[in-house]
Amino acid sequence: MIGYLHHELFTKHLEGYPHVERPERVKAILAQIKRSSIAGSVSFIEAEPAERAWLERVHDRRYVEGILSLEIDDAVVLDWGDTVATPASPQAALYAAGAGVQAVRMVLEGKLTSAFCAVRPPGHHAEPNRAMGFCIFNNIAVAAADLLESGGLERVAIVDWDVHHGNGTERMFVEDDKVLYISLHQYPHYPGTGHADTVGEGRGTGFNLNIPMGVGAGDEEYLEAFQETIVPALDDFKPQFVLISAGFDAHGDDPLSGTLLTGEAYGAMTEILCTVARRHCSGRIVSFLEGGYDTDVLAQSVETHMTALVACAGGQG
């Protein structure tokens, strides 16, 4: 069974506030999956909140306390302009981070074969001590840290195919040889990080792989990068769990993208990662919603992604 983790709070974050990262994103995805042919293979699970200790594995304690103690009557800007919080945002961020831990633990325990976390706010830009790029807590980093500490794993791979580089995730694990972070992203583009020369630091050297993609890159270029660079790197690393920062804003119809992926590419990339995960870690995959701002193509792309997860689960044994 494939898990779909969601919560009503994810529709309350930025409710009534004009923003491209809007509640309609997760509403459209949920409606699409419920009416899809895979609905019967999906377990719809209400997310649970993160514990503060989980957040503090990757975020500074003072930052966590500052976010969770916010008392907001209207809207406040958390960074230099694009990350906004409204009254429900601190709790939504807490549940978004909790959903990932909940999902990876359920997969480790065999209760789910894989899962998609339909969370808001997204996470991969959030750094240890600041919000950034629509992100408050780094959801995928919180889950990866839990796999290492509570799950007892030694090798966790994060593949980030959002159109923007996941600067926050990279920073959190740049010196860690237990996490292989792979990002393919439009470059140059926000946030300006993700150069191919950034390969990790200290004992993490060689465990950070950036694959910059040019404006106009499409399915062919992305799938070539997967087959020629990402798959060999994953096979060398032999992950015990695969996490995906699943932004769908590299789609050609996305308003924030200069790349030209089709919806079918997300299914193909998922299939490739499923094959790798089946080879090394019994197919254990959990993906996290990051970007994707045209609600129609977002919902369709998520369905394609989850359909591939369902097919992967059905092929195990």
C-alpha atoms as a PDB file:
ATOM      1  CA  MET A   1       0.000   0.000   0.000  1.00  0.00           C
ATOM      2  CA  ILE A   2       1.198   3.503  -0.863  1.00  0.00           C
ATOM      3  CA  GLY A   3       0.756   6.194   1.765  1.00  0.00           C
ATOM      4  CA  TYR A   4      -0.573   9.681   1.030  1.00  0.00           C
ATOM      5  CA  LEU A   5       0.054  11.901   4.043  1.00  0.00           C
ATOM      6  CA  HIS A   6      -1.993  15.058   4.339  1.00  0.00           C
ATOM      7  CA  HIS A   7      -3.663  17.330   6.891  1.00  0.00           C
ATOM      8  CA  GLU A   8      -6.248  20.100   6.888  1.00  0.00           C
ATOM      9  CA  LEU A   9      -3.618  22.469   8.289  1.00  0.00           C
ATOM     10  CA  PHE A  10      -1.792  22.289   4.955  1.00  0.00           C
ATOM     11  CA  THR A  11      -4.787  24.091   3.399  1.00  0.00           C
ATOM     12  CA  LYS A  12      -4.772  26.765   6.135  1.00  0.00           C
ATOM     13  CA  HIS A  13      -1.176  27.955   5.675  1.00  0.00           C
ATOM     14  CA  LEU A  14      -1.396  31.244   3.703  1.00  0.00           C
ATOM     15  CA  GLU A  15      -5.186  30.910   3.481  1.00  0.00           C
ATOM     16  CA  GLY A  16      -6.563  34.177   2.152  1.00  0.00           C
ATOM     17  CA  TYR A  17      -3.093  35.568   1.395  1.00  0.00           C
ATOM     18  CA  PRO A  18      -2.180  36.131  -2.282  1.00  0.00           C
ATOM     19  CA  HIS A  19       0.834  33.915  -2.903  1.00  0.00           C
ATOM     20  CA  VAL A  20       1.992  31.522  -5.626  1.00  0.00           C
ATOM     21  CA  GLU A  21       2.507  28.792  -2.984  1.00  0.00           C
ATOM     22  CA  ARG A  22      -1.204  28.630  -2.220  1.00  0.00           C
ATOM     23  CA  PRO A  23      -3.573  26.157  -0.516  1.00  0.00           C
ATOM     24  CA  GLU A  24      -5.159  25.202  -3.837  1.00  0.00           C
ATOM     25  CA  ARG A  25      -2.015  23.237  -4.647  1.00  0.00           C
ATOM     26  CA  VAL A  26      -2.697  20.434  -2.162  1.00  0.00           C
ATOM     27  CA  LYS A  27      -6.450  20.624  -2.716  1.00  0.00           C
ATOM     28  CA  ALA A  28      -5.941  19.959  -6.424  1.00  0.00           C
ATOM     29  CA  ILE A  29      -3.547  17.073  -5.765  1.00  0.00           C
ATOM     30  CA  LEU A  30      -5.872  15.357  -3.293  1.00  0.00           C
ATOM     31  CA  ALA A  31      -8.849  15.643  -5.656  1.00  0.00           C
ATOM     32  CA  GLN A  32      -6.764  14.265  -8.528  1.00  0.00           C
ATOM     33  CA  ILE A  33      -5.539  11.228  -6.578  1.00  0.00           C
ATOM     34  CA  LYS A  34      -8.965  10.416  -5.133  1.00  0.00           C
ATOM     35  CA  ARG A  35     -10.524  10.258  -8.590  1.00  0.00           C
ATOM     36  CA  SER A  36      -7.566   8.455 -10.195  1.00  0.00           C
ATOM     37  CA  SER A  37      -7.289   4.788 -11.085  1.00  0.00           C
ATOM     38  CA  ILE A  38      -4.749   4.258  -8.279  1.00  0.00           C
ATOM     39  CA  ALA A  39      -7.014   5.528  -5.480  1.00  0.00           C
ATOM     40  CA  GLY A  40      -7.728   1.986  -4.304  1.00  0.00           C
ATOM     41  CA  SER A  41      -4.010   1.358  -3.851  1.00  0.00           C
ATOM     42  CA  VAL A  42      -3.479   4.484  -1.744  1.00  0.00           C
ATOM     43  CA  SER A  43      -3.887   4.794   2.011  1.00  0.00           C
ATOM     44  CA  PHE A  44      -4.878   8.363   2.919  1.00  0.00           C
ATOM     45  CA  ILE A  45      -3.223   9.119   6.257  1.00  0.00           C
ATOM     46  CA  GLU A  46      -3.608  12.178   8.464  1.00  0.00           C
ATOM     47  CA  ALA A  47      -0.237  13.649   9.333  1.00  0.00           C
ATOM     48  CA  GLU A  48       0.953  13.927  12.913  1.00  0.00           C
ATOM     49  CA  PRO A  49       3.056  16.761  14.367  1.00  0.00           C
ATOM     50  CA  ALA A  50       6.822  16.621  14.690  1.00  0.00           C
ATOM     51  CA  GLU A  51       8.449  16.602  18.085  1.00  0.00           C
ATOM     52  CA  ARG A  52      10.717  19.559  18.726  1.00  0.00           C
ATOM     53  CA  ALA A  53      13.669  17.225  19.253  1.00  0.00           C
ATOM     54  CA  TRP A  54      13.276  15.973  15.678  1.00  0.00           C
ATOM     55  CA  LEU A  55      13.394  19.521  14.325  1.00  0.00           C
ATOM     56  CA  GLU A  56      16.440  20.374  16.421  1.00  0.00           C
ATOM     57  CA  ARG A  57      18.477  17.603  14.786  1.00  0.00           C
ATOM     58  CA  VAL A  58      18.786  19.858  11.728  1.00  0.00           C
ATOM     59  CA  HIS A  59      17.573  23.289  12.893  1.00  0.00           C
ATOM     60  CA  ASP A  60      18.958  25.597  15.569  1.00  0.00           C
ATOM     61  CA  ARG A  61      16.981  25.390  18.802  1.00  0.00           C
ATOM     62  CA  ARG A  62      16.458  29.149  18.941  1.00  0.00           C
ATOM     63  CA  TYR A  63      15.061  29.157  15.406  1.00  0.00           C
ATOM     64  CA  VAL A  64      12.631  26.317  16.168  1.00  0.00           C
ATOM     65  CA  GLU A  65      11.440  28.073  19.309  1.00  0.00           C
ATOM     66  CA  GLY A  66      11.011  31.323  17.419  1.00  0.00           C
ATOM     67  CA  ILE A  67       8.791  29.737  14.762  1.00  0.00           C
ATOM     68  CA  LEU A  68       6.661  27.710  17.146  1.00  0.00           C
ATOM     69  CA  SER A  69       6.125  30.649  19.497  1.00  0.00           C
ATOM     70  CA  LEU A  70       4.916  32.993  16.754  1.00  0.00           C
ATOM     71  CA  GLU A  71       1.580  34.626  17.515  1.00  0.00           C
ATOM     72  CA  ILE A  72       0.232  35.943  14.233  1.00  0.00           C
ATOM     73  CA  ASP A  73      -2.969  37.870  13.699  1.00  0.00           C
ATOM     74  CA  ASP A  74      -2.569  38.569   9.994  1.00  0.00           C
ATOM     75  CA  ALA A  75       0.599  37.831   7.989  1.00  0.00           C
ATOM     76  CA  VAL A  76       4.303  38.271   8.654  1.00  0.00           C
ATOM     77  CA  VAL A  77       7.315  37.973   6.371  1.00  0.00           C
ATOM     78  CA  LEU A  78       9.899  35.516   7.729  1.00  0.00           C
ATOM     79  CA  ASP A  79      12.765  36.304   5.372  1.00  0.00           C
ATOM     80  CA  TRP A  80      13.453  39.065   2.850  1.00  0.00           C
ATOM     81  CA  GLY A  81      10.102  38.855   1.140  1.00  0.00           C
ATOM     82  CA  ASP A  82       8.962  35.505  -0.273  1.00  0.00           C
ATOM     83  CA  THR A  83       8.406  33.373   2.849  1.00  0.00           C
ATOM     84  CA  VAL A  84       5.244  34.444   4.616  1.00  0.00           C
ATOM     85  CA  ALA A  85       3.474  33.088   7.683  1.00  0.00           C
ATOM     86  CA  THR A  86      -0.204  33.462   8.539  1.00  0.00           C
ATOM     87  CA  PRO A  87      -1.949  32.353  11.768  1.00  0.00           C
ATOM     88  CA  ALA A  88      -1.968  28.623  10.928  1.00  0.00           C
ATOM     89  CA  SER A  89       1.574  28.521   9.532  1.00  0.00           C
ATOM     90  CA  PRO A  90       3.583  27.489  12.626  1.00  0.00           C
ATOM     91  CA  GLN A  91       1.348  24.487  13.233  1.00  0.00           C
ATOM     92  CA  ALA A  92       1.222  23.640   9.520  1.00  0.00           C
ATOM     93  CA  ALA A  93       5.035  23.655   9.439  1.00  0.00           C
ATOM     94  CA  LEU A  94       5.142  21.429  12.524  1.00  0.00           C
ATOM     95  CA  TYR A  95       2.800  18.893  10.904  1.00  0.00           C
ATOM     96  CA  ALA A  96       4.613  19.086   7.540  1.00  0.00           C
ATOM     97  CA  ALA A  97       7.853  18.057   9.240  1.00  0.00           C
ATOM     98  CA  GLY A  98       6.050  15.414  11.277  1.00  0.00           C
ATOM     99  CA  ALA A  99       4.488  13.850   8.185  1.00  0.00           C
ATOM    100  CA  GLY A 100       7.889  12.903   6.820  1.00  0.00           C
ATOM    101  CA  VAL A 101       9.029  11.188  10.011  1.00  0.00           C
ATOM    102  CA  GLN A 102       5.679   9.415  10.238  1.00  0.00           C
ATOM    103  CA  ALA A 103       5.990   8.216   6.633  1.00  0.00           C
ATOM    104  CA  VAL A 104       9.569   6.935   6.812  1.00  0.00           C
ATOM    105  CA  ARG A 105       8.859   5.094  10.045  1.00  0.00           C
ATOM    106  CA  MET A 106       5.776   3.426   8.551  1.00  0.00           C
ATOM    107  CA  VAL A 107       7.817   2.313   5.541  1.00  0.00           C
ATOM    108  CA  LEU A 108      10.644   1.018   7.746  1.00  0.00           C
ATOM    109  CA  GLU A 109       8.098  -0.919   9.821  1.00  0.00           C
ATOM    110  CA  GLY A 110       6.556  -2.458   6.686  1.00  0.00           C
ATOM    111  CA  LYS A 111       3.192  -0.750   7.165  1.00  0.00           C
ATOM    112  CA  LEU A 112       3.605   1.019   3.810  1.00  0.00           C
ATOM    113  CA  THR A 113       5.708   0.152   0.770  1.00  0.00           C
ATOM    114  CA  SER A 114       6.319   3.826  -0.037  1.00  0.00           C
ATOM    115  CA  ALA A 115       4.657   7.189   0.543  1.00  0.00           C
ATOM    116  CA  PHE A 116       4.038  10.673  -0.806  1.00  0.00           C
ATOM    117  CA  CYS A 117       3.860  13.540   1.684  1.00  0.00           C
ATOM    118  CA  ALA A 118       1.493  16.188   0.314  1.00  0.00           C
ATOM    119  CA  VAL A 119       2.769  18.846   2.678  1.00  0.00           C
ATOM    120  CA  ARG A 120       2.760  22.636   2.935  1.00  0.00           C
ATOM    121  CA  PRO A 121       4.835  24.632   3.594  1.00  0.00           C
ATOM    122  CA  PRO A 122       7.551  22.966   1.510  1.00  0.00           C
ATOM    123  CA  GLY A 123      11.002  22.492   2.971  1.00  0.00           C
ATOM    124  CA  HIS A 124      14.165  22.170   0.895  1.00  0.00           C
ATOM    125  CA  HIS A 125      15.202  25.854   1.036  1.00  0.00           C
ATOM    126  CA  ALA A 126      14.888  26.109   4.838  1.00  0.00           C
ATOM    127  CA  GLU A 127      18.315  26.424   6.436  1.00  0.00           C
ATOM    128  CA  PRO A 128      19.349  25.565  10.006  1.00  0.00           C
ATOM    129  CA  ASN A 129      18.562  29.028  11.315  1.00  0.00           C
ATOM    130  CA  ARG A 130      16.259  30.703   8.810  1.00  0.00           C
ATOM    131  CA  ALA A 131      13.195  30.369   6.620  1.00  0.00           C
ATOM    132  CA  MET A 132      13.715  30.824   2.901  1.00  0.00           C
ATOM    133  CA  GLY A 133      12.046  30.278  -0.460  1.00  0.00           C
ATOM    134  CA  PHE A 134       8.537  29.544   0.884  1.00  0.00           C
ATOM    135  CA  CYS A 135      10.046  27.003   3.325  1.00  0.00           C
ATOM    136  CA  ILE A 136       9.937  27.108   7.149  1.00  0.00           C
ATOM    137  CA  PHE A 137      11.197  23.722   8.395  1.00  0.00           C
ATOM    138  CA  ASN A 138      13.233  21.424   6.144  1.00  0.00           C
ATOM    139  CA  ASN A 139      10.830  18.492   6.009  1.00  0.00           C
ATOM    140  CA  ILE A 140      13.019  16.071   4.076  1.00  0.00           C
ATOM    141  CA  ALA A 141      16.086  16.822   6.210  1.00  0.00           C
ATOM    142  CA  VAL A 142      14.091  16.152   9.375  1.00  0.00           C
ATOM    143  CA  ALA A 143      13.055  12.766   7.959  1.00  0.00           C
ATOM    144  CA  ALA A 144      16.586  11.894   6.838  1.00  0.00           C
ATOM    145  CA  ALA A 145      17.964  12.707  10.278  1.00  0.00           C
ATOM    146  CA  ASP A 146      15.322  10.496  11.857  1.00  0.00           C
ATOM    147  CA  LEU A 147      16.270   7.577   9.612  1.00  0.00           C
ATOM    148  CA  LEU A 148      19.879   7.948  10.739  1.00  0.00           C
ATOM    149  CA  GLU A 149      19.210   8.435  14.448  1.00  0.00           C
ATOM    150  CA  SER A 150      15.969   6.602  15.264  1.00  0.00           C
ATOM    151  CA  GLY A 151      15.991   4.220  12.319  1.00  0.00           C
ATOM    152  CA  GLY A 152      19.614   3.242  12.781  1.00  0.00           C
ATOM    153  CA  LEU A 153      20.448   3.544   9.079  1.00  0.00           C
ATOM    154  CA  GLU A 154      23.871   4.488   7.780  1.00  0.00           C
ATOM    155  CA  ARG A 155      23.143   5.489   4.168  1.00  0.00           C
ATOM    156  CA  VAL A 156      20.221   7.702   3.127  1.00  0.00           C
ATOM    157  CA  ALA A 157      19.946   9.153  -0.372  1.00  0.00           C
ATOM    158  CA  ILE A 158      18.056  12.356  -1.151  1.00  0.00           C
ATOM    159  CA  VAL A 159      17.232  13.066  -4.793  1.00  0.00           C
ATOM    160  CA  ASP A 160      15.939  16.591  -5.412  1.00  0.00           C
ATOM    161  CA  TRP A 161      14.365  17.247  -8.809  1.00  0.00           C
ATOM    162  CA  ASP A 162      12.712  20.567  -7.957  1.00  0.00           C
ATOM    163  CA  VAL A 163      13.555  23.264 -10.515  1.00  0.00           C
ATOM    164  CA  HIS A 164      15.289  25.200  -7.723  1.00  0.00           C
ATOM    165  CA  HIS A 165      18.381  23.989  -5.904  1.00  0.00           C
ATOM    166  CA  GLY A 166      17.737  22.733  -2.363  1.00  0.00           C
ATOM    167  CA  ASN A 167      20.269  24.961  -0.648  1.00  0.00           C
ATOM    168  CA  GLY A 168      18.921  24.200   2.826  1.00  0.00           C
ATOM    169  CA  THR A 169      19.157  20.437   2.465  1.00  0.00           C
ATOM    170  CA  GLU A 170      22.635  20.717   0.987  1.00  0.00           C
ATOM    171  CA  ARG A 171      23.827  22.906   3.840  1.00  0.00           C
ATOM    172  CA  MET A 172      22.465  20.553   6.496  1.00  0.00           C
ATOM    173  CA  PHE A 173      24.307  17.519   5.111  1.00  0.00           C
ATOM    174  CA  VAL A 174      27.285  19.041   3.290  1.00  0.00           C
ATOM    175  CA  GLU A 175      29.716  17.522   5.822  1.00  0.00           C
ATOM    176  CA  ASP A 176      27.869  14.220   6.255  1.00  0.00           C
ATOM    177  CA  ASP A 177      28.964  11.001   4.551  1.00  0.00           C
ATOM    178  CA  LYS A 178      25.794   9.179   5.609  1.00  0.00           C
ATOM    179  CA  VAL A 179      23.569  11.281   3.358  1.00  0.00           C
ATOM    180  CA  LEU A 180      24.063  11.406  -0.401  1.00  0.00           C
ATOM    181  CA  TYR A 181      22.382  14.594  -1.637  1.00  0.00           C
ATOM    182  CA  ILE A 182      21.733  14.778  -5.378  1.00  0.00           C
ATOM    183  CA  SER A 183      20.091  17.794  -6.976  1.00  0.00           C
ATOM    184  CA  LEU A 184      19.354  18.502 -10.604  1.00  0.00           C
ATOM    185  CA  HIS A 185      18.013  22.024 -11.022  1.00  0.00           C
ATOM    186  CA  GLN A 186      17.844  24.946 -13.391  1.00  0.00           C
ATOM    187  CA  TYR A 187      21.048  26.961 -13.145  1.00  0.00           C
ATOM    188  CA  PRO A 188      21.497  29.836 -12.789  1.00  0.00           C
ATOM    189  CA  HIS A 189      18.186  30.292 -11.002  1.00  0.00           C
ATOM    190  CA  TYR A 190      16.917  30.997  -7.497  1.00  0.00           C
ATOM    191  CA  PRO A 191      18.556  30.728  -4.976  1.00  0.00           C
ATOM    192  CA  GLY A 192      21.847  30.976  -6.905  1.00  0.00           C
ATOM    193  CA  THR A 193      23.437  27.914  -5.287  1.00  0.00           C
ATOM    194  CA  GLY A 194      23.975  24.436  -6.685  1.00  0.00           C
ATOM    195  CA  HIS A 195      27.148  24.790  -8.717  1.00  0.00           C
ATOM    196  CA  ALA A 196      28.602  21.527  -9.985  1.00  0.00           C
ATOM    197  CA  ASP A 197      31.812  22.222  -8.051  1.00  0.00           C
ATOM    198  CA  THR A 198      29.989  21.970  -4.709  1.00  0.00           C
ATOM    199  CA  VAL A 199      30.697  18.332  -3.844  1.00  0.00           C
ATOM    200  CA  GLY A 200      30.622  18.359  -0.038  1.00  0.00           C
ATOM    201  CA  GLU A 201      33.048  19.300   2.708  1.00  0.00           C
ATOM    202  CA  GLY A 202      35.186  17.362   5.176  1.00  0.00           C
ATOM    203  CA  ARG A 203      34.016  13.785   5.537  1.00  0.00           C
ATOM    204  CA  GLY A 204      31.057  14.714   3.333  1.00  0.00           C
ATOM    205  CA  THR A 205      33.287  15.345   0.331  1.00  0.00           C
ATOM    206  CA  GLY A 206      31.936  13.342  -2.590  1.00  0.00           C
ATOM    207  CA  PHE A 207      28.498  12.952  -1.039  1.00  0.00           C
ATOM    208  CA  ASN A 208      26.990  16.097  -2.578  1.00  0.00           C
ATOM    209  CA  LEU A 209      26.179  15.965  -6.289  1.00  0.00           C
ATOM    210  CA  ASN A 210      24.796  18.991  -8.134  1.00  0.00           C
ATOM    211  CA  ILE A 211      23.666  18.646 -11.744  1.00  0.00           C
ATOM    212  CA  PRO A 212      22.913  22.108 -13.168  1.00  0.00           C
ATOM    213  CA  MET A 213      20.374  22.112 -16.005  1.00  0.00           C
ATOM    214  CA  GLY A 214      20.165  24.906 -18.556  1.00  0.00           C
ATOM    215  CA  VAL A 215      17.114  26.885 -19.573  1.00  0.00           C
ATOM    216  CA  GLY A 216      15.164  24.827 -22.098  1.00  0.00           C
ATOM    217  CA  ALA A 217      16.295  21.446 -20.747  1.00  0.00           C
ATOM    218  CA  GLY A 218      13.566  18.856 -21.144  1.00  0.00           C
ATOM    219  CA  ASP A 219      12.788  15.178 -20.697  1.00  0.00           C
ATOM    220  CA  GLU A 220      15.737  13.957 -22.780  1.00  0.00           C
ATOM    221  CA  GLU A 221      18.330  15.940 -20.819  1.00  0.00           C
ATOM    222  CA  TYR A 222      16.877  15.027 -17.438  1.00  0.00           C
ATOM    223  CA  LEU A 223      16.577  11.315 -18.184  1.00  0.00           C
ATOM    224  CA  GLU A 224      20.096  11.273 -19.594  1.00  0.00           C
ATOM    225  CA  ALA A 225      21.333  12.819 -16.323  1.00  0.00           C
ATOM    226  CA  PHE A 226      19.488  10.145 -14.370  1.00  0.00           C
ATOM    227  CA  GLN A 227      20.874   7.244 -16.368  1.00  0.00           C
ATOM    228  CA  GLU A 228      24.448   8.490 -16.810  1.00  0.00           C
ATOM    229  CA  THR A 229      25.095  10.280 -13.511  1.00  0.00           C
ATOM    230  CA  ILE A 230      22.449   9.721 -10.838  1.00  0.00           C
ATOM    231  CA  VAL A 231      21.987   5.954 -11.135  1.00  0.00           C
ATOM    232  CA  PRO A 232      25.744   5.222 -11.010  1.00  0.00           C
ATOM    233  CA  ALA A 233      26.124   7.503  -7.983  1.00  0.00           C
ATOM    234  CA  LEU A 234      23.264   5.766  -6.189  1.00  0.00           C
ATOM    235  CA  ASP A 235      24.614   2.319  -7.066  1.00  0.00           C
ATOM    236  CA  ASP A 236      28.005   3.265  -5.636  1.00  0.00           C
ATOM    237  CA  PHE A 237      26.383   4.615  -2.461  1.00  0.00           C
ATOM    238  CA  LYS A 238      23.940   1.682  -2.011  1.00  0.00           C
ATOM    239  CA  PRO A 239      21.254   3.624  -0.118  1.00  0.00           C
ATOM    240  CA  GLN A 240      19.232   1.960   2.613  1.00  0.00           C
ATOM    241  CA  PHE A 241      16.410   4.430   1.969  1.00  0.00           C
ATOM    242  CA  VAL A 242      15.605   6.847  -0.880  1.00  0.00           C
ATOM    243  CA  LEU A 243      13.958  10.209  -0.230  1.00  0.00           C
ATOM    244  CA  ILE A 244      12.741  12.503  -3.015  1.00  0.00           C
ATOM    245  CA  SER A 245      12.343  16.271  -2.856  1.00  0.00           C
ATOM    246  CA  ALA A 246       9.535  16.094  -5.387  1.00  0.00           C
ATOM    247  CA  GLY A 247       9.069  19.564  -6.758  1.00  0.00           C
ATOM    248  CA  PHE A 248       7.041  19.606  -9.952  1.00  0.00           C
ATOM    249  CA  ASP A 249       7.998  23.123 -11.025  1.00  0.00           C
ATOM    250  CA  ALA A 250      10.481  21.997 -13.690  1.00  0.00           C
ATOM    251  CA  HIS A 251       7.395  21.319 -15.827  1.00  0.00           C
ATOM    252  CA  GLY A 252       7.275  23.380 -18.999  1.00  0.00           C
ATOM    253  CA  ASP A 253       3.929  24.912 -17.994  1.00  0.00           C
ATOM    254  CA  ASP A 254       5.041  26.019 -14.536  1.00  0.00           C
ATOM    255  CA  PRO A 255       5.189  29.805 -14.080  1.00  0.00           C
ATOM    256  CA  LEU A 256       8.508  29.671 -12.172  1.00  0.00           C
ATOM    257  CA  SER A 257      10.325  27.337 -14.562  1.00  0.00           C
ATOM    258  CA  GLY A 258      12.657  27.827 -17.484  1.00  0.00           C
ATOM    259  CA  THR A 259      12.929  24.073 -18.053  1.00  0.00           C
ATOM    260  CA  LEU A 260      10.549  22.043 -20.174  1.00  0.00           C
ATOM    261  CA  LEU A 261       9.737  18.750 -18.474  1.00  0.00           C
ATOM    262  CA  THR A 262       6.489  16.986 -19.322  1.00  0.00           C
ATOM    263  CA  GLY A 263       4.331  15.182 -16.783  1.00  0.00           C
ATOM    264  CA  GLU A 264       5.498  11.868 -18.189  1.00  0.00           C
ATOM    265  CA  ALA A 265       9.068  12.654 -17.154  1.00  0.00           C
ATOM    266  CA  TYR A 266       8.080  12.522 -13.489  1.00  0.00           C
ATOM    267  CA  GLY A 267       6.820   8.993 -13.978  1.00  0.00           C
ATOM    268  CA  ALA A 268       9.998   7.992 -15.790  1.00  0.00           C
ATOM    269  CA  MET A 269      12.265   9.503 -13.117  1.00  0.00           C
ATOM    270  CA  THR A 270      10.235   7.781 -10.410  1.00  0.00           C
ATOM    271  CA  GLU A 271      10.530   4.445 -12.195  1.00  0.00           C
ATOM    272  CA  ILE A 272      14.303   4.823 -12.381  1.00  0.00           C
ATOM    273  CA  LEU A 273      14.553   5.573  -8.659  1.00  0.00           C
ATOM    274  CA  CYS A 274      12.203   2.693  -7.870  1.00  0.00           C
ATOM    275  CA  THR A 275      14.496   0.324  -9.747  1.00  0.00           C
ATOM    276  CA  VAL A 276      17.487   1.574  -7.769  1.00  0.00           C
ATOM    277  CA  ALA A 277      15.570   1.384  -4.479  1.00  0.00           C
ATOM    278  CA  ARG A 278      14.451  -2.172  -5.199  1.00  0.00           C
ATOM    279  CA  ARG A 279      18.066  -3.097  -5.931  1.00  0.00           C
ATOM    280  CA  HIS A 280      19.420  -1.687  -2.678  1.00  0.00           C
ATOM    281  CA  CYS A 281      16.700  -1.128  -0.067  1.00  0.00           C
ATOM    282  CA  SER A 282      13.611  -3.219  -0.765  1.00  0.00           C
ATOM    283  CA  GLY A 283      11.980  -0.363  -2.686  1.00  0.00           C
ATOM    284  CA  ARG A 284      11.830   2.002   0.285  1.00  0.00           C
ATOM    285  CA  ILE A 285      10.957   5.457  -1.065  1.00  0.00           C
ATOM    286  CA  VAL A 286       9.240   8.465   0.507  1.00  0.00           C
ATOM    287  CA  SER A 287       8.701  11.634  -1.511  1.00  0.00           C
ATOM    288  CA  PHE A 288       7.920  15.155  -0.329  1.00  0.00           C
ATOM    289  CA  LEU A 289       5.989  17.854  -2.151  1.00  0.00           C
ATOM    290  CA  GLU A 290       8.211  20.846  -2.809  1.00  0.00           C
ATOM    291  CA  GLY A 291       7.402  23.221  -5.694  1.00  0.00           C
ATOM    292  CA  GLY A 292       4.841  23.165  -8.507  1.00  0.00           C
ATOM    293  CA  TYR A 293       2.625  26.182  -9.021  1.00  0.00           C
ATOM    294  CA  ASP A 294       0.276  25.490 -11.928  1.00  0.00           C
ATOM    295  CA  THR A 295      -2.343  23.468 -10.064  1.00  0.00           C
ATOM    296  CA  ASP A 296      -3.530  21.491 -13.089  1.00  0.00           C
ATOM    297  CA  VAL A 297      -0.139  20.212 -14.237  1.00  0.00           C
ATOM    298  CA  LEU A 298       0.950  19.827 -10.613  1.00  0.00           C
ATOM    299  CA  ALA A 299      -1.939  17.495  -9.826  1.00  0.00           C
ATOM    300  CA  GLN A 300      -1.443  15.530 -13.040  1.00  0.00           C
ATOM    301  CA  SER A 301       2.299  15.200 -12.453  1.00  0.00           C
ATOM    302  CA  VAL A 302       1.799  13.974  -8.891  1.00  0.00           C
ATOM    303  CA  GLU A 303      -0.641  11.358 -10.173  1.00  0.00           C
ATOM    304  CA  THR A 304       1.984  10.192 -12.684  1.00  0.00           C
ATOM    305  CA  HIS A 305       4.601  10.071  -9.921  1.00  0.00           C
ATOM    306  CA  MET A 306       2.357   8.115  -7.558  1.00  0.00           C
ATOM    307  CA  THR A 307       1.223   5.759 -10.309  1.00  0.00           C
ATOM    308  CA  ALA A 308       4.869   4.810 -10.772  1.00  0.00           C
ATOM    309  CA  LEU A 309       5.204   4.247  -7.011  1.00  0.00           C
ATOM    310  CA  VAL A 310       2.173   1.957  -7.068  1.00  0.00           C
ATOM    311  CA  ALA A 311       3.580   0.006 -10.028  1.00  0.00           C
ATOM    312  CA  CYS A 312       6.909  -0.326  -8.229  1.00  0.00           C
ATOM    313  CA  ALA A 313       5.226  -1.683  -5.126  1.00  0.00           C
ATOM    314  CA  GLY A 314       3.253  -4.156  -7.182  1.00  0.00           C
ATOM    315  CA  GLY A 315       6.441  -5.467  -8.749  1.00  0.00           C
ATOM    316  CA  GLN A 316       8.155  -6.323  -5.486  1.00  0.00           C
ATOM    317  CA  GLY A 317       8.484  -9.786  -4.125  1.00  0.00           C
END
